[in-house]
Amino acid sequence: MRTHVRRTVSRCFAVLRQIRHSVPTHKFQPLVVSLVLTHLDYGNIVLAGLLVYLIRRLQSVLRAAVRLTYHLWALDPKAVA
């Protein structure tokens, strides 16, 4: 599972970096949902019982997507968890 999480996180961050400056703000949210959140959600039943540090890596993608979508640059990570 460690390899799966590492690859998923890597791909999701790559997509966020790619679309961050290349699309208008009003089109960013649908792209994040379709290109990032679907990857995180796909097959999430197998993530039940996953080690905490792996779950935190996946959650870091969600936090980054929220910060970029809603322009929350100074978001406290503890407030989202």
PDB file of N, CA and C in Angstrom:
ATOM      1  N   MET A   1       0.822  -1.201   0.000  1.00  0.00           N
ATOM      2  CA  MET A   1       0.000   0.000   0.000  1.00  0.00           C
ATOM      3  C   MET A   1       0.863   1.261   0.000  1.00  0.00           C
ATOM      4  N   ARG A   2       2.044   1.149   0.566  1.00  0.00           N
ATOM      5  CA  ARG A   2       2.920   2.321   0.615  1.00  0.00           C
ATOM      6  C   ARG A   2       3.240   2.814  -0.798  1.00  0.00           C
ATOM      7  N   THR A   3       3.484   1.895  -1.715  1.00  0.00           N
ATOM      8  CA  THR A   3       3.779   2.267  -3.102  1.00  0.00           C
ATOM      9  C   THR A   3       2.562   2.898  -3.760  1.00  0.00           C
ATOM     10  N   HIS A   4       1.392   2.342  -3.518  1.00  0.00           N
ATOM     11  CA  HIS A   4       0.154   2.889  -4.086  1.00  0.00           C
ATOM     12  C   HIS A   4      -0.075   4.317  -3.597  1.00  0.00           C
ATOM     13  N   VAL A   5       0.073   4.539  -2.312  1.00  0.00           N
ATOM     14  CA  VAL A   5      -0.136   5.874  -1.748  1.00  0.00           C
ATOM     15  C   VAL A   5       0.897   6.842  -2.299  1.00  0.00           C
ATOM     16  N   ARG A   6       2.152   6.420  -2.372  1.00  0.00           N
ATOM     17  CA  ARG A   6       3.211   7.290  -2.883  1.00  0.00           C
ATOM     18  C   ARG A   6       2.921   7.701  -4.321  1.00  0.00           C
ATOM     19  N   ARG A   7       2.526   6.760  -5.152  1.00  0.00           N
ATOM     20  CA  ARG A   7       2.226   7.072  -6.554  1.00  0.00           C
ATOM     21  C   ARG A   7       0.991   7.959  -6.690  1.00  0.00           C
ATOM     22  N   THR A   8      -0.032   7.677  -5.906  1.00  0.00           N
ATOM     23  CA  THR A   8      -1.251   8.483  -5.958  1.00  0.00           C
ATOM     24  C   THR A   8      -0.973   9.915  -5.544  1.00  0.00           C
ATOM     25  N   VAL A   9      -0.261  10.094  -4.453  1.00  0.00           N
ATOM     26  CA  VAL A   9       0.075  11.433  -3.973  1.00  0.00           C
ATOM     27  C   VAL A   9       0.934  12.161  -5.003  1.00  0.00           C
ATOM     28  N   SER A  10       1.895  11.474  -5.567  1.00  0.00           N
ATOM     29  CA  SER A  10       2.773  12.077  -6.562  1.00  0.00           C
ATOM     30  C   SER A  10       1.988  12.527  -7.793  1.00  0.00           C
ATOM     31  N   ARG A  11       1.105  11.690  -8.281  1.00  0.00           N
ATOM     32  CA  ARG A  11       0.305  12.034  -9.455  1.00  0.00           C
ATOM     33  C   ARG A  11      -0.636  13.203  -9.172  1.00  0.00           C
ATOM     34  N   CYS A  12      -1.248  13.188  -8.014  1.00  0.00           N
ATOM     35  CA  CYS A  12      -2.182  14.262  -7.666  1.00  0.00           C
ATOM     36  C   CYS A  12      -1.471  15.600  -7.536  1.00  0.00           C
ATOM     37  N   PHE A  13      -0.313  15.622  -6.877  1.00  0.00           N
ATOM     38  CA  PHE A  13       0.435  16.872  -6.769  1.00  0.00           C
ATOM     39  C   PHE A  13       0.933  17.336  -8.135  1.00  0.00           C
ATOM     40  N   ALA A  14       1.287  16.399  -9.002  1.00  0.00           N
ATOM     41  CA  ALA A  14       1.716  16.776 -10.350  1.00  0.00           C
ATOM     42  C   ALA A  14       0.581  17.456 -11.111  1.00  0.00           C
ATOM     43  N   VAL A  15      -0.622  16.933 -10.969  1.00  0.00           N
ATOM     44  CA  VAL A  15      -1.782  17.546 -11.627  1.00  0.00           C
ATOM     45  C   VAL A  15      -2.044  18.929 -11.051  1.00  0.00           C
ATOM     46  N   LEU A  16      -1.970  19.060  -9.739  1.00  0.00           N
ATOM     47  CA  LEU A  16      -2.192  20.376  -9.114  1.00  0.00           C
ATOM     48  C   LEU A  16      -1.161  21.394  -9.592  1.00  0.00           C
ATOM     49  N   ARG A  17       0.098  20.971  -9.692  1.00  0.00           N
ATOM     50  CA  ARG A  17       1.132  21.885 -10.186  1.00  0.00           C
ATOM     51  C   ARG A  17       0.880  22.270 -11.637  1.00  0.00           C
ATOM     52  N   GLN A  18       0.419  21.318 -12.425  1.00  0.00           N
ATOM     53  CA  GLN A  18       0.216  21.559 -13.844  1.00  0.00           C
ATOM     54  C   GLN A  18      -0.940  22.530 -14.111  1.00  0.00           C
ATOM     55  N   ILE A  19      -2.027  22.394 -13.362  1.00  0.00           N
ATOM     56  CA  ILE A  19      -3.197  23.223 -13.647  1.00  0.00           C
ATOM     57  C   ILE A  19      -3.250  24.490 -12.816  1.00  0.00           C
ATOM     58  N   ARG A  20      -2.362  24.624 -11.847  1.00  0.00           N
ATOM     59  CA  ARG A  20      -2.405  25.760 -10.923  1.00  0.00           C
ATOM     60  C   ARG A  20      -2.385  27.106 -11.635  1.00  0.00           C
ATOM     61  N   HIS A  21      -1.501  27.283 -12.583  1.00  0.00           N
ATOM     62  CA  HIS A  21      -1.362  28.586 -13.246  1.00  0.00           C
ATOM     63  C   HIS A  21      -1.893  28.580 -14.668  1.00  0.00           C
ATOM     64  N   SER A  22      -2.340  27.440 -15.145  1.00  0.00           N
ATOM     65  CA  SER A  22      -2.697  27.366 -16.557  1.00  0.00           C
ATOM     66  C   SER A  22      -4.191  27.475 -16.843  1.00  0.00           C
ATOM     67  N   VAL A  23      -5.016  27.484 -15.807  1.00  0.00           N
ATOM     68  CA  VAL A  23      -6.457  27.592 -16.040  1.00  0.00           C
ATOM     69  C   VAL A  23      -7.035  28.748 -15.229  1.00  0.00           C
ATOM     70  N   PRO A  24      -8.127  29.341 -15.721  1.00  0.00           N
ATOM     71  CA  PRO A  24      -8.774  30.412 -14.960  1.00  0.00           C
ATOM     72  C   PRO A  24      -9.370  29.880 -13.651  1.00  0.00           C
ATOM     73  N   THR A  25      -9.562  30.780 -12.718  1.00  0.00           N
ATOM     74  CA  THR A  25     -10.058  30.408 -11.393  1.00  0.00           C
ATOM     75  C   THR A  25     -11.403  29.689 -11.451  1.00  0.00           C
ATOM     76  N   HIS A  26     -12.307  30.146 -12.297  1.00  0.00           N
ATOM     77  CA  HIS A  26     -13.642  29.547 -12.328  1.00  0.00           C
ATOM     78  C   HIS A  26     -13.635  28.134 -12.900  1.00  0.00           C
ATOM     79  N   LYS A  27     -12.572  27.725 -13.578  1.00  0.00           N
ATOM     80  CA  LYS A  27     -12.479  26.365 -14.113  1.00  0.00           C
ATOM     81  C   LYS A  27     -11.571  25.468 -13.275  1.00  0.00           C
ATOM     82  N   PHE A  28     -10.941  26.051 -12.279  1.00  0.00           N
ATOM     83  CA  PHE A  28     -10.001  25.284 -11.469  1.00  0.00           C
ATOM     84  C   PHE A  28     -10.703  24.234 -10.617  1.00  0.00           C
ATOM     85  N   GLN A  29     -11.790  24.605  -9.959  1.00  0.00           N
ATOM     86  CA  GLN A  29     -12.477  23.682  -9.062  1.00  0.00           C
ATOM     87  C   GLN A  29     -12.985  22.436  -9.789  1.00  0.00           C
ATOM     88  N   PRO A  30     -13.673  22.551 -10.932  1.00  0.00           N
ATOM     89  CA  PRO A  30     -14.104  21.323 -11.615  1.00  0.00           C
ATOM     90  C   PRO A  30     -12.938  20.436 -12.055  1.00  0.00           C
ATOM     91  N   LEU A  31     -11.819  21.052 -12.423  1.00  0.00           N
ATOM     92  CA  LEU A  31     -10.654  20.261 -12.797  1.00  0.00           C
ATOM     93  C   LEU A  31     -10.067  19.527 -11.590  1.00  0.00           C
ATOM     94  N   VAL A  32     -10.028  20.196 -10.459  1.00  0.00           N
ATOM     95  CA  VAL A  32      -9.521  19.538  -9.249  1.00  0.00           C
ATOM     96  C   VAL A  32     -10.407  18.350  -8.890  1.00  0.00           C
ATOM     97  N   VAL A  33     -11.702  18.544  -8.978  1.00  0.00           N
ATOM     98  CA  VAL A  33     -12.622  17.452  -8.652  1.00  0.00           C
ATOM     99  C   VAL A  33     -12.430  16.287  -9.616  1.00  0.00           C
ATOM    100  N   SER A  34     -12.354  16.586 -10.901  1.00  0.00           N
ATOM    101  CA  SER A  34     -12.286  15.504 -11.884  1.00  0.00           C
ATOM    102  C   SER A  34     -10.911  14.860 -11.990  1.00  0.00           C
ATOM    103  N   LEU A  35      -9.847  15.615 -11.785  1.00  0.00           N
ATOM    104  CA  LEU A  35      -8.511  15.073 -11.989  1.00  0.00           C
ATOM    105  C   LEU A  35      -7.793  14.649 -10.710  1.00  0.00           C
ATOM    106  N   VAL A  36      -8.164  15.211  -9.583  1.00  0.00           N
ATOM    107  CA  VAL A  36      -7.457  14.908  -8.342  1.00  0.00           C
ATOM    108  C   VAL A  36      -8.328  14.099  -7.388  1.00  0.00           C
ATOM    109  N   LEU A  37      -9.498  14.631  -7.063  1.00  0.00           N
ATOM    110  CA  LEU A  37     -10.330  13.970  -6.058  1.00  0.00           C
ATOM    111  C   LEU A  37     -10.815  12.601  -6.509  1.00  0.00           C
ATOM    112  N   THR A  38     -11.036  12.418  -7.802  1.00  0.00           N
ATOM    113  CA  THR A  38     -11.455  11.096  -8.267  1.00  0.00           C
ATOM    114  C   THR A  38     -10.350  10.062  -8.072  1.00  0.00           C
ATOM    115  N   HIS A  39      -9.088  10.478  -8.224  1.00  0.00           N
ATOM    116  CA  HIS A  39      -7.977   9.548  -7.984  1.00  0.00           C
ATOM    117  C   HIS A  39      -7.899   9.161  -6.514  1.00  0.00           C
ATOM    118  N   LEU A  40      -8.169  10.121  -5.647  1.00  0.00           N
ATOM    119  CA  LEU A  40      -8.131   9.821  -4.215  1.00  0.00           C
ATOM    120  C   LEU A  40      -9.316   8.959  -3.799  1.00  0.00           C
ATOM    121  N   ASP A  41     -10.443   9.171  -4.426  1.00  0.00           N
ATOM    122  CA  ASP A  41     -11.664   8.462  -4.037  1.00  0.00           C
ATOM    123  C   ASP A  41     -11.756   7.065  -4.640  1.00  0.00           C
ATOM    124  N   TYR A  42     -11.108   6.855  -5.778  1.00  0.00           N
ATOM    125  CA  TYR A  42     -11.216   5.573  -6.470  1.00  0.00           C
ATOM    126  C   TYR A  42     -10.673   4.439  -5.597  1.00  0.00           C
ATOM    127  N   GLY A  43     -11.491   3.456  -5.342  1.00  0.00           N
ATOM    128  CA  GLY A  43     -11.070   2.292  -4.565  1.00  0.00           C
ATOM    129  C   GLY A  43     -10.734   2.598  -3.124  1.00  0.00           C
ATOM    130  N   ASN A  44     -11.367   3.611  -2.542  1.00  0.00           N
ATOM    131  CA  ASN A  44     -10.995   4.008  -1.187  1.00  0.00           C
ATOM    132  C   ASN A  44     -11.389   2.983  -0.129  1.00  0.00           C
ATOM    133  N   ILE A  45     -12.179   1.993  -0.490  1.00  0.00           N
ATOM    134  CA  ILE A  45     -12.540   0.949   0.475  1.00  0.00           C
ATOM    135  C   ILE A  45     -11.304   0.152   0.914  1.00  0.00           C
ATOM    136  N   VAL A  46     -10.308   0.044   0.040  1.00  0.00           N
ATOM    137  CA  VAL A  46      -9.101  -0.697   0.408  1.00  0.00           C
ATOM    138  C   VAL A  46      -8.210   0.105   1.353  1.00  0.00           C
ATOM    139  N   LEU A  47      -8.518   1.374   1.536  1.00  0.00           N
ATOM    140  CA  LEU A  47      -7.723   2.203   2.429  1.00  0.00           C
ATOM    141  C   LEU A  47      -8.148   2.072   3.886  1.00  0.00           C
ATOM    142  N   ALA A  48      -9.211   1.341   4.147  1.00  0.00           N
ATOM    143  CA  ALA A  48      -9.668   1.136   5.525  1.00  0.00           C
ATOM    144  C   ALA A  48      -8.577   0.400   6.308  1.00  0.00           C
ATOM    145  N   GLY A  49      -8.241   0.921   7.451  1.00  0.00           N
ATOM    146  CA  GLY A  49      -7.226   0.307   8.292  1.00  0.00           C
ATOM    147  C   GLY A  49      -5.809   0.654   7.875  1.00  0.00           C
ATOM    148  N   LEU A  50      -5.665   1.645   7.018  1.00  0.00           N
ATOM    149  CA  LEU A  50      -4.351   2.062   6.545  1.00  0.00           C
ATOM    150  C   LEU A  50      -3.579   2.732   7.677  1.00  0.00           C
ATOM    151  N   LEU A  51      -2.273   2.620   7.629  1.00  0.00           N
ATOM    152  CA  LEU A  51      -1.439   3.248   8.646  1.00  0.00           C
ATOM    153  C   LEU A  51      -1.631   4.766   8.635  1.00  0.00           C
ATOM    154  N   VAL A  52      -1.522   5.368   9.795  1.00  0.00           N
ATOM    155  CA  VAL A  52      -1.824   6.787   9.971  1.00  0.00           C
ATOM    156  C   VAL A  52      -0.946   7.660   9.085  1.00  0.00           C
ATOM    157  N   TYR A  53       0.334   7.353   8.966  1.00  0.00           N
ATOM    158  CA  TYR A  53       1.212   8.219   8.180  1.00  0.00           C
ATOM    159  C   TYR A  53       0.843   8.176   6.698  1.00  0.00           C
ATOM    160  N   LEU A  54       0.294   7.065   6.221  1.00  0.00           N
ATOM    161  CA  LEU A  54      -0.140   6.990   4.826  1.00  0.00           C
ATOM    162  C   LEU A  54      -1.427   7.781   4.607  1.00  0.00           C
ATOM    163  N   ILE A  55      -2.309   7.735   5.576  1.00  0.00           N
ATOM    164  CA  ILE A  55      -3.538   8.526   5.488  1.00  0.00           C
ATOM    165  C   ILE A  55      -3.205  10.012   5.493  1.00  0.00           C
ATOM    166  N   ARG A  56      -2.237  10.406   6.302  1.00  0.00           N
ATOM    167  CA  ARG A  56      -1.836  11.821   6.357  1.00  0.00           C
ATOM    168  C   ARG A  56      -1.254  12.285   5.025  1.00  0.00           C
ATOM    169  N   ARG A  57      -0.550  11.413   4.328  1.00  0.00           N
ATOM    170  CA  ARG A  57      -0.016  11.786   3.010  1.00  0.00           C
ATOM    171  C   ARG A  57      -1.151  12.028   2.031  1.00  0.00           C
ATOM    172  N   LEU A  58      -2.171  11.180   2.080  1.00  0.00           N
ATOM    173  CA  LEU A  58      -3.329  11.383   1.203  1.00  0.00           C
ATOM    174  C   LEU A  58      -4.079  12.655   1.585  1.00  0.00           C
ATOM    175  N   GLN A  59      -4.193  12.918   2.878  1.00  0.00           N
ATOM    176  CA  GLN A  59      -4.871  14.124   3.332  1.00  0.00           C
ATOM    177  C   GLN A  59      -4.111  15.382   2.934  1.00  0.00           C
ATOM    178  N   SER A  60      -2.816  15.281   2.791  1.00  0.00           N
ATOM    179  CA  SER A  60      -2.042  16.448   2.377  1.00  0.00           C
ATOM    180  C   SER A  60      -2.436  16.897   0.971  1.00  0.00           C
ATOM    181  N   VAL A  61      -2.812  15.952   0.129  1.00  0.00           N
ATOM    182  CA  VAL A  61      -3.287  16.302  -1.211  1.00  0.00           C
ATOM    183  C   VAL A  61      -4.610  17.048  -1.102  1.00  0.00           C
ATOM    184  N   LEU A  62      -5.503  16.560  -0.263  1.00  0.00           N
ATOM    185  CA  LEU A  62      -6.787  17.241  -0.085  1.00  0.00           C
ATOM    186  C   LEU A  62      -6.597  18.662   0.437  1.00  0.00           C
ATOM    187  N   ARG A  63      -5.718  18.830   1.414  1.00  0.00           N
ATOM    188  CA  ARG A  63      -5.460  20.162   1.959  1.00  0.00           C
ATOM    189  C   ARG A  63      -4.894  21.095   0.901  1.00  0.00           C
ATOM    190  N   ALA A  64      -3.969  20.592   0.101  1.00  0.00           N
ATOM    191  CA  ALA A  64      -3.382  21.420  -0.956  1.00  0.00           C
ATOM    192  C   ALA A  64      -4.436  21.805  -1.984  1.00  0.00           C
ATOM    193  N   ALA A  65      -5.310  20.881  -2.329  1.00  0.00           N
ATOM    194  CA  ALA A  65      -6.373  21.173  -3.299  1.00  0.00           C
ATOM    195  C   ALA A  65      -7.319  22.244  -2.757  1.00  0.00           C
ATOM    196  N   VAL A  66      -7.647  22.166  -1.481  1.00  0.00           N
ATOM    197  CA  VAL A  66      -8.529  23.163  -0.866  1.00  0.00           C
ATOM    198  C   VAL A  66      -7.844  24.526  -0.839  1.00  0.00           C
ATOM    199  N   ARG A  67      -6.570  24.554  -0.438  1.00  0.00           N
ATOM    200  CA  ARG A  67      -5.845  25.829  -0.391  1.00  0.00           C
ATOM    201  C   ARG A  67      -5.767  26.473  -1.766  1.00  0.00           C
ATOM    202  N   LEU A  68      -5.498  25.690  -2.790  1.00  0.00           N
ATOM    203  CA  LEU A  68      -5.399  26.253  -4.137  1.00  0.00           C
ATOM    204  C   LEU A  68      -6.759  26.674  -4.680  1.00  0.00           C
ATOM    205  N   THR A  69      -7.787  25.881  -4.410  1.00  0.00           N
ATOM    206  CA  THR A  69      -9.114  26.183  -4.941  1.00  0.00           C
ATOM    207  C   THR A  69      -9.699  27.439  -4.316  1.00  0.00           C
ATOM    208  N   TYR A  70      -9.537  27.591  -3.019  1.00  0.00           N
ATOM    209  CA  TYR A  70     -10.165  28.704  -2.308  1.00  0.00           C
ATOM    210  C   TYR A  70      -9.178  29.788  -1.892  1.00  0.00           C
ATOM    211  N   HIS A  71      -7.955  29.717  -2.410  1.00  0.00           N
ATOM    212  CA  HIS A  71      -6.924  30.726  -2.150  1.00  0.00           C
ATOM    213  C   HIS A  71      -6.698  30.928  -0.658  1.00  0.00           C
ATOM    214  N   LEU A  72      -6.546  29.857   0.055  1.00  0.00           N
ATOM    215  CA  LEU A  72      -6.307  29.896   1.501  1.00  0.00           C
ATOM    216  C   LEU A  72      -4.838  29.586   1.757  1.00  0.00           C
ATOM    217  N   TRP A  73      -3.978  30.532   1.501  1.00  0.00           N
ATOM    218  CA  TRP A  73      -2.546  30.285   1.584  1.00  0.00           C
ATOM    219  C   TRP A  73      -2.074  30.108   3.018  1.00  0.00           C
ATOM    220  N   ALA A  74      -2.710  30.744   3.968  1.00  0.00           N
ATOM    221  CA  ALA A  74      -2.255  30.675   5.354  1.00  0.00           C
ATOM    222  C   ALA A  74      -3.143  29.743   6.175  1.00  0.00           C
ATOM    223  N   LEU A  75      -3.685  28.728   5.545  1.00  0.00           N
ATOM    224  CA  LEU A  75      -4.579  27.809   6.236  1.00  0.00           C
ATOM    225  C   LEU A  75      -3.802  26.967   7.242  1.00  0.00           C
ATOM    226  N   ASP A  76      -4.297  26.932   8.456  1.00  0.00           N
ATOM    227  CA  ASP A  76      -3.682  26.127   9.502  1.00  0.00           C
ATOM    228  C   ASP A  76      -4.012  24.665   9.247  1.00  0.00           C
ATOM    229  N   PRO A  77      -3.002  23.798   9.006  1.00  0.00           N
ATOM    230  CA  PRO A  77      -3.284  22.392   8.715  1.00  0.00           C
ATOM    231  C   PRO A  77      -4.004  21.671   9.849  1.00  0.00           C
ATOM    232  N   LYS A  78      -3.811  22.094  11.069  1.00  0.00           N
ATOM    233  CA  LYS A  78      -4.483  21.445  12.193  1.00  0.00           C
ATOM    234  C   LYS A  78      -5.969  21.761  12.223  1.00  0.00           C
ATOM    235  N   ALA A  79      -6.351  22.890  11.643  1.00  0.00           N
ATOM    236  CA  ALA A  79      -7.755  23.277  11.617  1.00  0.00           C
ATOM    237  C   ALA A  79      -8.534  22.418  10.626  1.00  0.00           C
ATOM    238  N   VAL A  80      -7.878  21.899   9.588  1.00  0.00           N
ATOM    239  CA  VAL A  80      -8.549  21.101   8.567  1.00  0.00           C
ATOM    240  C   VAL A  80      -8.649  19.652   8.996  1.00  0.00           C
ATOM    241  N   ALA A  81      -7.659  19.177   9.727  1.00  0.00           N
ATOM    242  CA  ALA A  81      -7.620  17.764  10.128  1.00  0.00           C
ATOM    243  C   ALA A  81      -8.780  17.467  10.991  1.00  0.00           C
TER     244      ALA A  81
END
